[in-house]
Amino acid sequence: MSSEGALGQAPPLIPRARGLLVGIPILLVATTALAILLTGCGESKQEQAKKSVCGAKSNINSRITTLKTISPSVATLPQIKTEVTGIVDDLKQINSARGDLEPARK
């Protein structure tokens, strides 16, 4: 066996190390994407408040539609209470977002 040319050469990476080196860029991209999502995508408080109010209004409309479709003979008190409680919660959400809305939308 000849050891000629073996000196001065870096030892080959073991397969696990190669996998780790491939995984690092993927991890960095995933971490960056998560950081962007957690910052609210750069939305202002006014934009976030507007989305919150619009979502709550949509939920209220949906709950009212559900209440309209429930016939009195089939309706249960817990079912009605759930929808009404949801409407109250949505109204609270609107009220808490009101301070961050543009003056024209308050």
N, C-alpha and C. Protein backbone atom coordinates (compact mmCIF):
# COMPACT_ATOMS: atom_id res chain seq x y z
N MET A 1 0.83 -1.17 0.00
CA MET A 1 0.00 0.00 0.00
C MET A 1 0.87 1.23 0.00
N SER A 2 0.47 2.16 -0.78
CA SER A 2 1.23 3.39 -0.89
C SER A 2 0.49 4.51 -0.20
N SER A 3 1.20 5.28 0.58
CA SER A 3 0.57 6.42 1.23
C SER A 3 0.85 7.69 0.45
N GLU A 4 1.26 7.53 -0.77
CA GLU A 4 1.60 8.66 -1.61
C GLU A 4 0.35 9.49 -1.90
N GLY A 5 0.43 10.78 -1.72
CA GLY A 5 -0.68 11.69 -1.97
C GLY A 5 -1.64 11.78 -0.81
N ALA A 6 -1.49 10.97 0.21
CA ALA A 6 -2.40 11.01 1.34
C ALA A 6 -2.11 12.19 2.26
N LEU A 7 -0.86 12.61 2.29
CA LEU A 7 -0.51 13.74 3.13
C LEU A 7 -0.97 15.03 2.47
N GLY A 8 -1.47 15.92 3.27
CA GLY A 8 -1.90 17.21 2.74
C GLY A 8 -3.34 17.22 2.25
N GLN A 9 -3.98 16.08 2.23
CA GLN A 9 -5.37 16.03 1.81
C GLN A 9 -6.27 16.02 3.05
N ALA A 10 -7.36 16.75 2.95
CA ALA A 10 -8.31 16.77 4.07
C ALA A 10 -9.04 15.44 4.10
N PRO A 11 -9.30 14.93 5.30
CA PRO A 11 -10.04 13.67 5.38
C PRO A 11 -11.47 13.87 4.87
N PRO A 12 -12.01 12.87 4.22
CA PRO A 12 -13.38 13.02 3.70
C PRO A 12 -14.36 13.18 4.87
N LEU A 13 -15.40 13.97 4.60
CA LEU A 13 -16.44 14.16 5.62
C LEU A 13 -17.23 12.88 5.79
N ILE A 14 -17.54 12.58 7.00
CA ILE A 14 -18.38 11.41 7.23
C ILE A 14 -19.80 11.75 6.82
N PRO A 15 -20.61 10.80 6.43
CA PRO A 15 -21.96 11.07 5.92
C PRO A 15 -22.82 11.90 6.87
N ARG A 16 -22.72 11.69 8.16
CA ARG A 16 -23.55 12.45 9.11
C ARG A 16 -23.19 13.93 9.07
N ALA A 17 -21.91 14.23 8.94
CA ALA A 17 -21.48 15.62 8.89
C ALA A 17 -21.97 16.27 7.61
N ARG A 18 -21.95 15.53 6.51
CA ARG A 18 -22.49 16.08 5.26
C ARG A 18 -23.96 16.42 5.40
N GLY A 19 -24.71 15.54 6.03
CA GLY A 19 -26.14 15.80 6.26
C GLY A 19 -26.36 17.03 7.12
N LEU A 20 -25.51 17.19 8.10
CA LEU A 20 -25.61 18.36 8.98
C LEU A 20 -25.32 19.64 8.20
N LEU A 21 -24.31 19.60 7.34
CA LEU A 21 -23.97 20.77 6.55
C LEU A 21 -25.09 21.13 5.58
N VAL A 22 -25.78 20.15 5.07
CA VAL A 22 -26.91 20.40 4.18
C VAL A 22 -28.09 20.95 4.98
N GLY A 23 -28.27 20.48 6.20
CA GLY A 23 -29.40 20.90 7.01
C GLY A 23 -29.29 22.30 7.57
N ILE A 24 -28.07 22.81 7.72
CA ILE A 24 -27.89 24.14 8.31
C ILE A 24 -28.56 25.23 7.45
N PRO A 25 -28.33 25.28 6.13
CA PRO A 25 -29.02 26.31 5.35
C PRO A 25 -30.54 26.19 5.41
N ILE A 26 -31.03 24.96 5.44
CA ILE A 26 -32.48 24.76 5.53
C ILE A 26 -32.99 25.29 6.85
N LEU A 27 -32.26 25.04 7.91
CA LEU A 27 -32.64 25.54 9.23
C LEU A 27 -32.63 27.06 9.26
N LEU A 28 -31.63 27.67 8.63
CA LEU A 28 -31.57 29.13 8.59
C LEU A 28 -32.74 29.73 7.82
N VAL A 29 -33.10 29.12 6.71
CA VAL A 29 -34.24 29.61 5.93
C VAL A 29 -35.53 29.46 6.74
N ALA A 30 -35.71 28.33 7.39
CA ALA A 30 -36.92 28.10 8.18
C ALA A 30 -36.99 29.08 9.35
N THR A 31 -35.88 29.33 10.00
CA THR A 31 -35.86 30.27 11.13
C THR A 31 -36.18 31.68 10.66
N THR A 32 -35.63 32.07 9.53
CA THR A 32 -35.91 33.40 8.98
C THR A 32 -37.39 33.54 8.63
N ALA A 33 -37.95 32.52 8.00
CA ALA A 33 -39.37 32.56 7.65
C ALA A 33 -40.25 32.68 8.89
N LEU A 34 -39.91 31.93 9.92
CA LEU A 34 -40.66 31.99 11.17
C LEU A 34 -40.56 33.37 11.79
N ALA A 35 -39.39 33.96 11.77
CA ALA A 35 -39.21 35.30 12.34
C ALA A 35 -40.07 36.32 11.61
N ILE A 36 -40.15 36.19 10.30
CA ILE A 36 -40.98 37.11 9.52
C ILE A 36 -42.45 36.95 9.88
N LEU A 37 -42.90 35.71 10.02
CA LEU A 37 -44.29 35.47 10.39
C LEU A 37 -44.62 36.02 11.77
N LEU A 38 -43.70 35.87 12.70
CA LEU A 38 -43.96 36.31 14.06
C LEU A 38 -43.96 37.83 14.21
N THR A 39 -43.34 38.53 13.29
CA THR A 39 -43.33 39.99 13.37
C THR A 39 -44.58 40.60 12.76
N GLY A 40 -45.50 39.78 12.30
CA GLY A 40 -46.74 40.29 11.75
C GLY A 40 -46.60 40.78 10.33
N CYS A 41 -45.58 40.34 9.66
CA CYS A 41 -45.34 40.70 8.26
C CYS A 41 -45.26 42.20 8.07
N GLY A 42 -44.83 42.91 9.04
CA GLY A 42 -44.64 44.35 8.92
C GLY A 42 -45.93 45.15 8.92
N GLU A 43 -47.03 44.56 9.36
CA GLU A 43 -48.29 45.28 9.39
C GLU A 43 -48.29 46.31 10.51
N SER A 44 -48.90 47.44 10.23
CA SER A 44 -49.04 48.45 11.27
C SER A 44 -50.14 48.04 12.24
N LYS A 45 -50.19 48.70 13.36
CA LYS A 45 -51.25 48.42 14.34
C LYS A 45 -52.62 48.69 13.73
N GLN A 46 -52.69 49.71 12.89
CA GLN A 46 -53.97 50.03 12.24
C GLN A 46 -54.41 48.91 11.32
N GLU A 47 -53.47 48.35 10.55
CA GLU A 47 -53.82 47.24 9.65
C GLU A 47 -54.24 46.01 10.43
N GLN A 48 -53.53 45.73 11.52
CA GLN A 48 -53.87 44.57 12.35
C GLN A 48 -55.24 44.77 12.99
N ALA A 49 -55.53 45.98 13.45
CA ALA A 49 -56.83 46.27 14.05
C ALA A 49 -57.95 46.12 13.02
N LYS A 50 -57.70 46.60 11.82
CA LYS A 50 -58.70 46.49 10.76
C LYS A 50 -59.00 45.02 10.46
N LYS A 51 -57.95 44.19 10.37
CA LYS A 51 -58.15 42.75 10.13
C LYS A 51 -58.91 42.11 11.28
N SER A 52 -58.58 42.50 12.50
CA SER A 52 -59.25 41.95 13.67
C SER A 52 -60.74 42.29 13.65
N VAL A 53 -61.06 43.55 13.35
CA VAL A 53 -62.46 43.98 13.30
C VAL A 53 -63.20 43.28 12.17
N CYS A 54 -62.56 43.20 11.01
CA CYS A 54 -63.22 42.54 9.86
C CYS A 54 -63.48 41.06 10.16
N GLY A 55 -62.52 40.41 10.80
CA GLY A 55 -62.71 39.00 11.16
C GLY A 55 -63.84 38.83 12.16
N ALA A 56 -63.88 39.72 13.15
CA ALA A 56 -64.93 39.64 14.17
C ALA A 56 -66.30 39.90 13.54
N LYS A 57 -66.38 40.88 12.64
CA LYS A 57 -67.66 41.16 11.97
C LYS A 57 -68.12 39.96 11.14
N SER A 58 -67.18 39.32 10.48
CA SER A 58 -67.50 38.13 9.70
C SER A 58 -68.01 37.01 10.60
N ASN A 59 -67.35 36.83 11.75
CA ASN A 59 -67.80 35.81 12.70
C ASN A 59 -69.20 36.11 13.21
N ILE A 60 -69.47 37.39 13.50
CA ILE A 60 -70.81 37.77 13.99
C ILE A 60 -71.86 37.45 12.93
N ASN A 61 -71.57 37.81 11.68
CA ASN A 61 -72.53 37.52 10.61
C ASN A 61 -72.78 36.02 10.48
N SER A 62 -71.72 35.24 10.60
CA SER A 62 -71.85 33.79 10.51
C SER A 62 -72.68 33.24 11.66
N ARG A 63 -72.45 33.76 12.87
CA ARG A 63 -73.20 33.30 14.04
C ARG A 63 -74.68 33.68 13.94
N ILE A 64 -74.95 34.87 13.42
CA ILE A 64 -76.34 35.30 13.25
C ILE A 64 -77.04 34.40 12.23
N THR A 65 -76.33 34.08 11.14
CA THR A 65 -76.90 33.18 10.14
C THR A 65 -77.20 31.82 10.76
N THR A 66 -76.29 31.34 11.60
CA THR A 66 -76.52 30.06 12.28
C THR A 66 -77.75 30.14 13.17
N LEU A 67 -77.88 31.22 13.93
CA LEU A 67 -79.03 31.38 14.82
C LEU A 67 -80.34 31.45 14.04
N LYS A 68 -80.30 32.08 12.87
CA LYS A 68 -81.50 32.18 12.04
C LYS A 68 -81.95 30.82 11.50
N THR A 69 -80.97 29.94 11.29
CA THR A 69 -81.31 28.64 10.70
C THR A 69 -81.77 27.62 11.73
N ILE A 70 -81.56 27.90 13.00
CA ILE A 70 -81.96 26.95 14.05
C ILE A 70 -83.47 27.10 14.28
N SER A 71 -84.19 26.01 14.10
CA SER A 71 -85.63 26.09 14.36
C SER A 71 -85.87 25.95 15.86
N PRO A 72 -86.84 26.66 16.39
CA PRO A 72 -87.11 26.61 17.83
C PRO A 72 -87.39 25.21 18.35
N SER A 73 -87.96 24.36 17.52
CA SER A 73 -88.28 23.01 17.99
C SER A 73 -87.04 22.13 18.13
N VAL A 74 -85.95 22.48 17.42
CA VAL A 74 -84.75 21.66 17.44
C VAL A 74 -83.63 22.32 18.26
N ALA A 75 -83.72 23.61 18.48
CA ALA A 75 -82.65 24.35 19.16
C ALA A 75 -82.48 23.89 20.60
N THR A 76 -81.25 23.89 21.03
CA THR A 76 -80.96 23.59 22.43
C THR A 76 -80.38 24.85 23.07
N LEU A 77 -80.59 24.98 24.35
CA LEU A 77 -80.08 26.14 25.06
C LEU A 77 -78.56 26.25 24.95
N PRO A 78 -77.80 25.17 25.13
CA PRO A 78 -76.35 25.29 24.99
C PRO A 78 -75.90 25.75 23.60
N GLN A 79 -76.61 25.27 22.58
CA GLN A 79 -76.28 25.67 21.21
C GLN A 79 -76.48 27.17 21.03
N ILE A 80 -77.60 27.68 21.49
CA ILE A 80 -77.90 29.11 21.37
C ILE A 80 -76.91 29.92 22.22
N LYS A 81 -76.66 29.43 23.42
CA LYS A 81 -75.75 30.13 24.32
C LYS A 81 -74.34 30.22 23.71
N THR A 82 -73.89 29.17 23.04
CA THR A 82 -72.58 29.17 22.39
C THR A 82 -72.49 30.26 21.34
N GLU A 83 -73.51 30.37 20.51
CA GLU A 83 -73.51 31.39 19.45
C GLU A 83 -73.57 32.80 20.03
N VAL A 84 -74.41 33.01 21.03
CA VAL A 84 -74.54 34.34 21.64
C VAL A 84 -73.24 34.72 22.37
N THR A 85 -72.65 33.77 23.06
CA THR A 85 -71.38 34.03 23.75
C THR A 85 -70.30 34.38 22.72
N GLY A 86 -70.30 33.71 21.59
CA GLY A 86 -69.35 34.02 20.52
C GLY A 86 -69.53 35.42 19.99
N ILE A 87 -70.78 35.84 19.84
CA ILE A 87 -71.06 37.21 19.38
C ILE A 87 -70.54 38.22 20.40
N VAL A 88 -70.77 37.96 21.68
CA VAL A 88 -70.28 38.86 22.74
C VAL A 88 -68.75 38.94 22.69
N ASP A 89 -68.09 37.81 22.52
CA ASP A 89 -66.63 37.79 22.44
C ASP A 89 -66.13 38.58 21.23
N ASP A 90 -66.83 38.43 20.09
CA ASP A 90 -66.45 39.18 18.89
C ASP A 90 -66.63 40.68 19.10
N LEU A 91 -67.70 41.07 19.80
CA LEU A 91 -67.91 42.49 20.09
C LEU A 91 -66.80 43.03 21.00
N LYS A 92 -66.36 42.22 21.94
CA LYS A 92 -65.23 42.62 22.80
C LYS A 92 -63.96 42.79 21.98
N GLN A 93 -63.76 41.89 21.01
CA GLN A 93 -62.59 41.97 20.14
C GLN A 93 -62.62 43.27 19.33
N ILE A 94 -63.79 43.62 18.82
CA ILE A 94 -63.93 44.87 18.07
C ILE A 94 -63.64 46.06 18.96
N ASN A 95 -64.18 46.03 20.17
CA ASN A 95 -63.98 47.13 21.10
C ASN A 95 -62.50 47.30 21.46
N SER A 96 -61.79 46.20 21.65
CA SER A 96 -60.38 46.31 22.02
C SER A 96 -59.52 46.79 20.86
N ALA A 97 -59.93 46.51 19.63
CA ALA A 97 -59.17 46.95 18.46
C ALA A 97 -59.50 48.38 18.07
N ARG A 98 -60.59 48.90 18.57
CA ARG A 98 -61.06 50.23 18.17
C ARG A 98 -60.02 51.31 18.38
N GLY A 99 -59.26 51.24 19.44
CA GLY A 99 -58.26 52.27 19.73
C GLY A 99 -57.14 52.34 18.72
N ASP A 100 -56.87 51.26 18.00
CA ASP A 100 -55.80 51.22 17.02
C ASP A 100 -56.28 51.50 15.60
N LEU A 101 -57.59 51.66 15.42
CA LEU A 101 -58.11 51.94 14.07
C LEU A 101 -57.81 53.36 13.65
N GLU A 102 -57.82 53.56 12.34
CA GLU A 102 -57.70 54.92 11.80
C GLU A 102 -58.87 55.73 12.32
N PRO A 103 -58.68 57.03 12.55
CA PRO A 103 -59.77 57.86 13.09
C PRO A 103 -61.07 57.77 12.29
N ALA A 104 -60.97 57.66 10.96
CA ALA A 104 -62.18 57.57 10.13
C ALA A 104 -62.95 56.28 10.37
N ARG A 105 -62.29 55.24 10.84
CA ARG A 105 -62.94 53.93 11.05
C ARG A 105 -63.46 53.75 12.45
N LYS A 106 -63.13 54.63 13.38
CA LYS A 106 -63.56 54.48 14.77
C LYS A 106 -65.03 54.74 14.84
